[in-house]
Amino acid sequence: MTTAPDLRTRKFDRFFDLLDTDSNGFIEADDWARTAQAFSAGFGHAPGSPQAEALHRAYQLVHHNICTAMDTDGDGRVSRQEFHDGLHRHVSDLSLLDSTFRPALDAEFDTADTDGNGVLEGDEIDRIWTAWGMSDQDAKTAMEQMDRDGDGRISRDEYYSTWREYLASEDPNAPGSWLLGHP
C-alpha cells in the first residue's frame, strides 16, 4: 500500500520533472519560459501572440512566487528538495496554493481552449496530454479522472480542481492523483 508521503513524493517529483525542462535539477525562470513556449506552440499560438504572452507572463509570475517562497538558499532557482518542501507548505494552506498556481492554470486553460468556448474537448484535450508527454493509456486514465461530470469535456473548474487535487490530495484513489499518470 502506498503511504501518503510516498505518494506526494512521487507526484511532486513528476511535477518537478515536468517543469525542469533542461533536466539540470533546478526549476529556473528559463524552464517556465520554455514550458510556456512549448505549450503555446502545441496549440498553434505563435510567439508574441496574446495567448502565448499571457501564458508566459502567468508562468513567470508563478516562478517569481515560488522562488520567493521556496528558494531557501537565495540562488534564484528551486532545487528538487526546495520544491518538495515548498509544495508541502503550499498544500497545507490551500489559499496559498490557489493564489500561486490558479492564475497560471487559468492562463494554461485559455491557451488550450483554442475555440474559446469555455471548455476543453476533442483535439484540445489530446494536445494537453501531448504537451505533458503522457502515454496514450495515462492520457485516457487522466481524462476519465478529470472529466468529473462525464460529459466528455473539461471545464475550467474541472481543470483546476484536478490540478489542485493532484498537488494536495494524499489519497491515491482521488481523481486528481491520476492527473499525470498512475500514482
C-alpha atoms as a PDB file:
ATOM      1  CA  MET A   1       0.000   0.000   0.000  1.00  0.00           C
ATOM      2  CA  THR A   2       1.256   3.443  -0.916  1.00  0.00           C
ATOM      3  CA  THR A   3       1.596   5.827   2.000  1.00  0.00           C
ATOM      4  CA  ALA A   4       0.701   9.492   1.649  1.00  0.00           C
ATOM      5  CA  PRO A   5       4.290  10.765   1.941  1.00  0.00           C
ATOM      6  CA  ASP A   6       5.419   8.297  -0.739  1.00  0.00           C
ATOM      7  CA  LEU A   7       2.512   9.299  -2.967  1.00  0.00           C
ATOM      8  CA  ARG A   8       3.180  13.000  -2.530  1.00  0.00           C
ATOM      9  CA  THR A   9       6.875  12.482  -3.157  1.00  0.00           C
ATOM     10  CA  ARG A  10       6.137  10.677  -6.439  1.00  0.00           C
ATOM     11  CA  LYS A  11       3.597  13.285  -7.533  1.00  0.00           C
ATOM     12  CA  PHE A  12       5.862  16.201  -6.609  1.00  0.00           C
ATOM     13  CA  ASP A  13       8.775  14.504  -8.397  1.00  0.00           C
ATOM     14  CA  ARG A  14       6.670  14.019 -11.528  1.00  0.00           C
ATOM     15  CA  PHE A  15       5.611  17.682 -11.445  1.00  0.00           C
ATOM     16  CA  PHE A  16       9.206  18.813 -10.832  1.00  0.00           C
ATOM     17  CA  ASP A  17      10.432  16.737 -13.783  1.00  0.00           C
ATOM     18  CA  LEU A  18       7.726  18.239 -15.985  1.00  0.00           C
ATOM     19  CA  LEU A  19       8.905  21.745 -15.070  1.00  0.00           C
ATOM     20  CA  ASP A  20      12.675  21.106 -15.140  1.00  0.00           C
ATOM     21  CA  THR A  21      12.818  21.329 -18.924  1.00  0.00           C
ATOM     22  CA  ASP A  22      16.604  21.212 -19.202  1.00  0.00           C
ATOM     23  CA  SER A  23      16.938  18.421 -16.594  1.00  0.00           C
ATOM     24  CA  ASN A  24      19.601  20.278 -14.639  1.00  0.00           C
ATOM     25  CA  GLY A  25      17.969  19.550 -11.279  1.00  0.00           C
ATOM     26  CA  PHE A  26      16.571  23.040 -10.785  1.00  0.00           C
ATOM     27  CA  ILE A  27      13.473  24.957 -11.765  1.00  0.00           C
ATOM     28  CA  GLU A  28      14.557  28.314 -13.124  1.00  0.00           C
ATOM     29  CA  ALA A  29      12.865  31.185 -14.948  1.00  0.00           C
ATOM     30  CA  ASP A  30      14.058  29.765 -18.284  1.00  0.00           C
ATOM     31  CA  ASP A  31      12.270  26.476 -17.562  1.00  0.00           C
ATOM     32  CA  TRP A  32       8.977  28.320 -17.188  1.00  0.00           C
ATOM     33  CA  ALA A  33       9.647  30.294 -20.379  1.00  0.00           C
ATOM     34  CA  ARG A  34      10.399  27.094 -22.321  1.00  0.00           C
ATOM     35  CA  THR A  35       7.307  25.406 -20.895  1.00  0.00           C
ATOM     36  CA  ALA A  36       5.116  28.369 -21.858  1.00  0.00           C
ATOM     37  CA  GLN A  37       6.578  28.482 -25.372  1.00  0.00           C
ATOM     38  CA  ALA A  38       6.201  24.744 -25.944  1.00  0.00           C
ATOM     39  CA  PHE A  39       2.673  24.651 -24.525  1.00  0.00           C
ATOM     40  CA  SER A  40       1.609  27.663 -26.611  1.00  0.00           C
ATOM     41  CA  ALA A  41       3.183  26.247 -29.758  1.00  0.00           C
ATOM     42  CA  GLY A  42       1.401  22.945 -29.147  1.00  0.00           C
ATOM     43  CA  PHE A  43      -1.872  24.813 -29.539  1.00  0.00           C
ATOM     44  CA  GLY A  44      -0.776  26.790 -32.590  1.00  0.00           C
ATOM     45  CA  HIS A  45      -0.105  30.077 -30.790  1.00  0.00           C
ATOM     46  CA  ALA A  46       2.882  31.881 -32.273  1.00  0.00           C
ATOM     47  CA  PRO A  47       5.492  33.527 -30.045  1.00  0.00           C
ATOM     48  CA  GLY A  48       4.290  37.028 -29.253  1.00  0.00           C
ATOM     49  CA  SER A  49       0.623  36.179 -29.754  1.00  0.00           C
ATOM     50  CA  PRO A  50      -1.742  37.330 -26.993  1.00  0.00           C
ATOM     51  CA  GLN A  51      -2.249  33.752 -25.759  1.00  0.00           C
ATOM     52  CA  ALA A  52       1.471  32.966 -25.752  1.00  0.00           C
ATOM     53  CA  GLU A  53       2.295  36.216 -23.965  1.00  0.00           C
ATOM     54  CA  ALA A  54      -0.437  35.743 -21.357  1.00  0.00           C
ATOM     55  CA  LEU A  55       0.784  32.237 -20.573  1.00  0.00           C
ATOM     56  CA  HIS A  56       4.405  33.395 -20.443  1.00  0.00           C
ATOM     57  CA  ARG A  57       3.514  36.206 -18.002  1.00  0.00           C
ATOM     58  CA  ALA A  58       1.457  33.858 -15.823  1.00  0.00           C
ATOM     59  CA  TYR A  59       4.235  31.266 -15.681  1.00  0.00           C
ATOM     60  CA  GLN A  60       6.842  33.950 -14.893  1.00  0.00           C
ATOM     61  CA  LEU A  61       4.634  35.148 -12.036  1.00  0.00           C
ATOM     62  CA  VAL A  62       4.407  31.596 -10.686  1.00  0.00           C
ATOM     63  CA  HIS A  63       8.174  31.279 -10.917  1.00  0.00           C
ATOM     64  CA  HIS A  64       8.620  34.563  -9.068  1.00  0.00           C
ATOM     65  CA  ASN A  65       6.136  33.467  -6.397  1.00  0.00           C
ATOM     66  CA  ILE A  66       7.608  30.010  -5.914  1.00  0.00           C
ATOM     67  CA  CYS A  67      11.173  31.319  -5.906  1.00  0.00           C
ATOM     68  CA  THR A  68      10.178  33.834  -3.271  1.00  0.00           C
ATOM     69  CA  ALA A  69       8.506  31.118  -1.210  1.00  0.00           C
ATOM     70  CA  MET A  70      10.683  28.082  -1.976  1.00  0.00           C
ATOM     71  CA  ASP A  71      14.206  29.267  -2.811  1.00  0.00           C
ATOM     72  CA  THR A  72      15.611  28.967   0.698  1.00  0.00           C
ATOM     73  CA  ASP A  73      19.252  29.370  -0.333  1.00  0.00           C
ATOM     74  CA  GLY A  74      18.554  32.510  -2.389  1.00  0.00           C
ATOM     75  CA  ASP A  75      20.230  31.328  -5.596  1.00  0.00           C
ATOM     76  CA  GLY A  76      17.290  32.292  -7.849  1.00  0.00           C
ATOM     77  CA  ARG A  77      16.331  28.723  -8.643  1.00  0.00           C
ATOM     78  CA  VAL A  78      14.437  25.945  -6.926  1.00  0.00           C
ATOM     79  CA  SER A  79      16.049  22.568  -6.245  1.00  0.00           C
ATOM     80  CA  ARG A  80      14.032  19.368  -6.008  1.00  0.00           C
ATOM     81  CA  GLN A  81      14.238  19.463  -2.190  1.00  0.00           C
ATOM     82  CA  GLU A  82      13.212  23.128  -2.059  1.00  0.00           C
ATOM     83  CA  PHE A  83      10.326  22.303  -4.400  1.00  0.00           C
ATOM     84  CA  HIS A  84       9.179  19.428  -2.180  1.00  0.00           C
ATOM     85  CA  ASP A  85       9.462  21.483   0.993  1.00  0.00           C
ATOM     86  CA  GLY A  86       7.689  24.445  -0.594  1.00  0.00           C
ATOM     87  CA  LEU A  87       4.848  22.394  -2.064  1.00  0.00           C
ATOM     88  CA  HIS A  88       4.260  20.764   1.305  1.00  0.00           C
ATOM     89  CA  ARG A  89       3.830  24.275   2.750  1.00  0.00           C
ATOM     90  CA  HIS A  90       1.544  25.272  -0.145  1.00  0.00           C
ATOM     91  CA  VAL A  91      -0.733  22.252   0.192  1.00  0.00           C
ATOM     92  CA  SER A  92      -1.060  22.783   3.927  1.00  0.00           C
ATOM     93  CA  ASP A  93      -2.573  26.209   3.130  1.00  0.00           C
ATOM     94  CA  LEU A  94      -4.827  25.777   0.103  1.00  0.00           C
ATOM     95  CA  SER A  95      -5.363  29.527  -0.204  1.00  0.00           C
ATOM     96  CA  LEU A  96      -1.602  29.841  -0.816  1.00  0.00           C
ATOM     97  CA  LEU A  97      -1.777  27.065  -3.394  1.00  0.00           C
ATOM     98  CA  ASP A  98      -4.726  28.789  -5.074  1.00  0.00           C
ATOM     99  CA  SER A  99      -3.098  32.209  -5.173  1.00  0.00           C
ATOM    100  CA  THR A 100       0.177  30.808  -6.504  1.00  0.00           C
ATOM    101  CA  PHE A 101      -0.985  28.318  -9.126  1.00  0.00           C
ATOM    102  CA  ARG A 102      -4.561  29.255 -10.143  1.00  0.00           C
ATOM    103  CA  PRO A 103      -3.579  32.213 -12.374  1.00  0.00           C
ATOM    104  CA  ALA A 104      -1.121  30.060 -14.335  1.00  0.00           C
ATOM    105  CA  LEU A 105      -3.597  27.217 -14.723  1.00  0.00           C
ATOM    106  CA  ASP A 106      -6.267  29.660 -15.888  1.00  0.00           C
ATOM    107  CA  ALA A 107      -3.833  31.016 -18.500  1.00  0.00           C
ATOM    108  CA  GLU A 108      -2.941  27.449 -19.485  1.00  0.00           C
ATOM    109  CA  PHE A 109      -6.642  26.625 -19.872  1.00  0.00           C
ATOM    110  CA  ASP A 110      -7.155  29.747 -22.013  1.00  0.00           C
ATOM    111  CA  THR A 111      -4.214  28.729 -24.200  1.00  0.00           C
ATOM    112  CA  ALA A 112      -5.644  25.240 -24.681  1.00  0.00           C
ATOM    113  CA  ASP A 113      -9.214  26.446 -25.317  1.00  0.00           C
ATOM    114  CA  THR A 114      -8.457  27.278 -28.942  1.00  0.00           C
ATOM    115  CA  ASP A 115     -12.083  27.703 -29.983  1.00  0.00           C
ATOM    116  CA  GLY A 116     -12.846  29.916 -26.981  1.00  0.00           C
ATOM    117  CA  ASN A 117     -15.977  28.025 -25.956  1.00  0.00           C
ATOM    118  CA  GLY A 118     -15.001  27.789 -22.272  1.00  0.00           C
ATOM    119  CA  VAL A 119     -14.392  24.019 -22.220  1.00  0.00           C
ATOM    120  CA  LEU A 120     -11.666  21.706 -23.438  1.00  0.00           C
ATOM    121  CA  GLU A 121     -12.772  18.930 -25.752  1.00  0.00           C
ATOM    122  CA  GLY A 122     -11.537  16.652 -28.513  1.00  0.00           C
ATOM    123  CA  ASP A 123      -8.264  17.799 -30.020  1.00  0.00           C
ATOM    124  CA  GLU A 124      -7.722  20.385 -27.294  1.00  0.00           C
ATOM    125  CA  ILE A 125      -7.635  17.638 -24.679  1.00  0.00           C
ATOM    126  CA  ASP A 126      -5.381  15.426 -26.805  1.00  0.00           C
ATOM    127  CA  ARG A 127      -2.926  18.298 -27.183  1.00  0.00           C
ATOM    128  CA  ILE A 128      -2.729  18.752 -23.416  1.00  0.00           C
ATOM    129  CA  TRP A 129      -1.683  15.140 -22.957  1.00  0.00           C
ATOM    130  CA  THR A 130       0.888  15.550 -25.734  1.00  0.00           C
ATOM    131  CA  ALA A 131       2.211  18.738 -24.129  1.00  0.00           C
ATOM    132  CA  TRP A 132       2.694  16.847 -20.876  1.00  0.00           C
ATOM    133  CA  GLY A 133       4.369  13.934 -22.655  1.00  0.00           C
ATOM    134  CA  MET A 134       1.850  11.350 -21.482  1.00  0.00           C
ATOM    135  CA  SER A 135       1.380   7.886 -22.872  1.00  0.00           C
ATOM    136  CA  ASP A 136      -1.942   7.075 -24.534  1.00  0.00           C
ATOM    137  CA  GLN A 137      -3.007   4.900 -21.592  1.00  0.00           C
ATOM    138  CA  ASP A 138      -2.082   7.535 -18.997  1.00  0.00           C
ATOM    139  CA  ALA A 139      -3.889  10.181 -21.060  1.00  0.00           C
ATOM    140  CA  LYS A 140      -7.022   8.027 -21.251  1.00  0.00           C
ATOM    141  CA  THR A 141      -6.957   7.438 -17.494  1.00  0.00           C
ATOM    142  CA  ALA A 142      -6.297  11.116 -16.766  1.00  0.00           C
ATOM    143  CA  MET A 143      -9.234  12.143 -18.939  1.00  0.00           C
ATOM    144  CA  GLU A 144     -11.537   9.699 -17.199  1.00  0.00           C
ATOM    145  CA  GLN A 145     -10.499  11.146 -13.851  1.00  0.00           C
ATOM    146  CA  MET A 146     -10.512  14.818 -14.877  1.00  0.00           C
ATOM    147  CA  ASP A 147     -13.918  14.709 -16.551  1.00  0.00           C
ATOM    148  CA  ARG A 148     -15.782  14.665 -13.258  1.00  0.00           C
ATOM    149  CA  ASP A 149     -19.269  15.105 -14.709  1.00  0.00           C
ATOM    150  CA  GLY A 150     -18.695  12.574 -17.520  1.00  0.00           C
ATOM    151  CA  ASP A 151     -19.696  14.886 -20.370  1.00  0.00           C
ATOM    152  CA  GLY A 152     -16.523  14.289 -22.431  1.00  0.00           C
ATOM    153  CA  ARG A 153     -15.366  17.867 -21.885  1.00  0.00           C
ATOM    154  CA  ILE A 154     -13.219  19.547 -19.273  1.00  0.00           C
ATOM    155  CA  SER A 155     -14.467  22.780 -17.733  1.00  0.00           C
ATOM    156  CA  ARG A 156     -12.157  25.396 -16.245  1.00  0.00           C
ATOM    157  CA  ASP A 157     -13.218  24.313 -12.755  1.00  0.00           C
ATOM    158  CA  GLU A 158     -12.618  20.618 -13.520  1.00  0.00           C
ATOM    159  CA  TYR A 159      -9.178  21.518 -14.880  1.00  0.00           C
ATOM    160  CA  TYR A 160      -8.180  23.483 -11.806  1.00  0.00           C
ATOM    161  CA  SER A 161      -9.826  21.117  -9.304  1.00  0.00           C
ATOM    162  CA  THR A 162      -7.902  18.197 -10.757  1.00  0.00           C
ATOM    163  CA  TRP A 163      -4.564  20.020 -10.591  1.00  0.00           C
ATOM    164  CA  ARG A 164      -5.331  21.194  -7.042  1.00  0.00           C
ATOM    165  CA  GLU A 165      -6.192  17.662  -6.011  1.00  0.00           C
ATOM    166  CA  TYR A 166      -3.059  16.338  -7.733  1.00  0.00           C
ATOM    167  CA  LEU A 167      -0.928  18.606  -5.589  1.00  0.00           C
ATOM    168  CA  ALA A 168      -2.874  18.435  -2.330  1.00  0.00           C
ATOM    169  CA  SER A 169      -4.503  15.015  -2.057  1.00  0.00           C
ATOM    170  CA  GLU A 170      -2.961  12.229  -0.059  1.00  0.00           C
ATOM    171  CA  ASP A 171      -5.472   9.730  -1.446  1.00  0.00           C
ATOM    172  CA  PRO A 172      -4.085   7.521  -4.237  1.00  0.00           C
ATOM    173  CA  ASN A 173      -7.655   6.898  -5.428  1.00  0.00           C
ATOM    174  CA  ALA A 174      -8.591  10.578  -5.697  1.00  0.00           C
ATOM    175  CA  PRO A 175      -9.255  11.562  -9.317  1.00  0.00           C
ATOM    176  CA  GLY A 176      -6.561  14.260  -9.224  1.00  0.00           C
ATOM    177  CA  SER A 177      -3.910  11.787  -8.139  1.00  0.00           C
ATOM    178  CA  TRP A 178      -4.120  10.285 -11.636  1.00  0.00           C
ATOM    179  CA  LEU A 179      -3.547  13.591 -13.473  1.00  0.00           C
ATOM    180  CA  LEU A 180      -0.040  12.825 -14.712  1.00  0.00           C
ATOM    181  CA  GLY A 181      -0.403   9.068 -14.856  1.00  0.00           C
ATOM    182  CA  HIS A 182      -0.636   6.207 -12.389  1.00  0.00           C
ATOM    183  CA  PRO A 183       0.037   7.495  -8.879  1.00  0.00           C
END
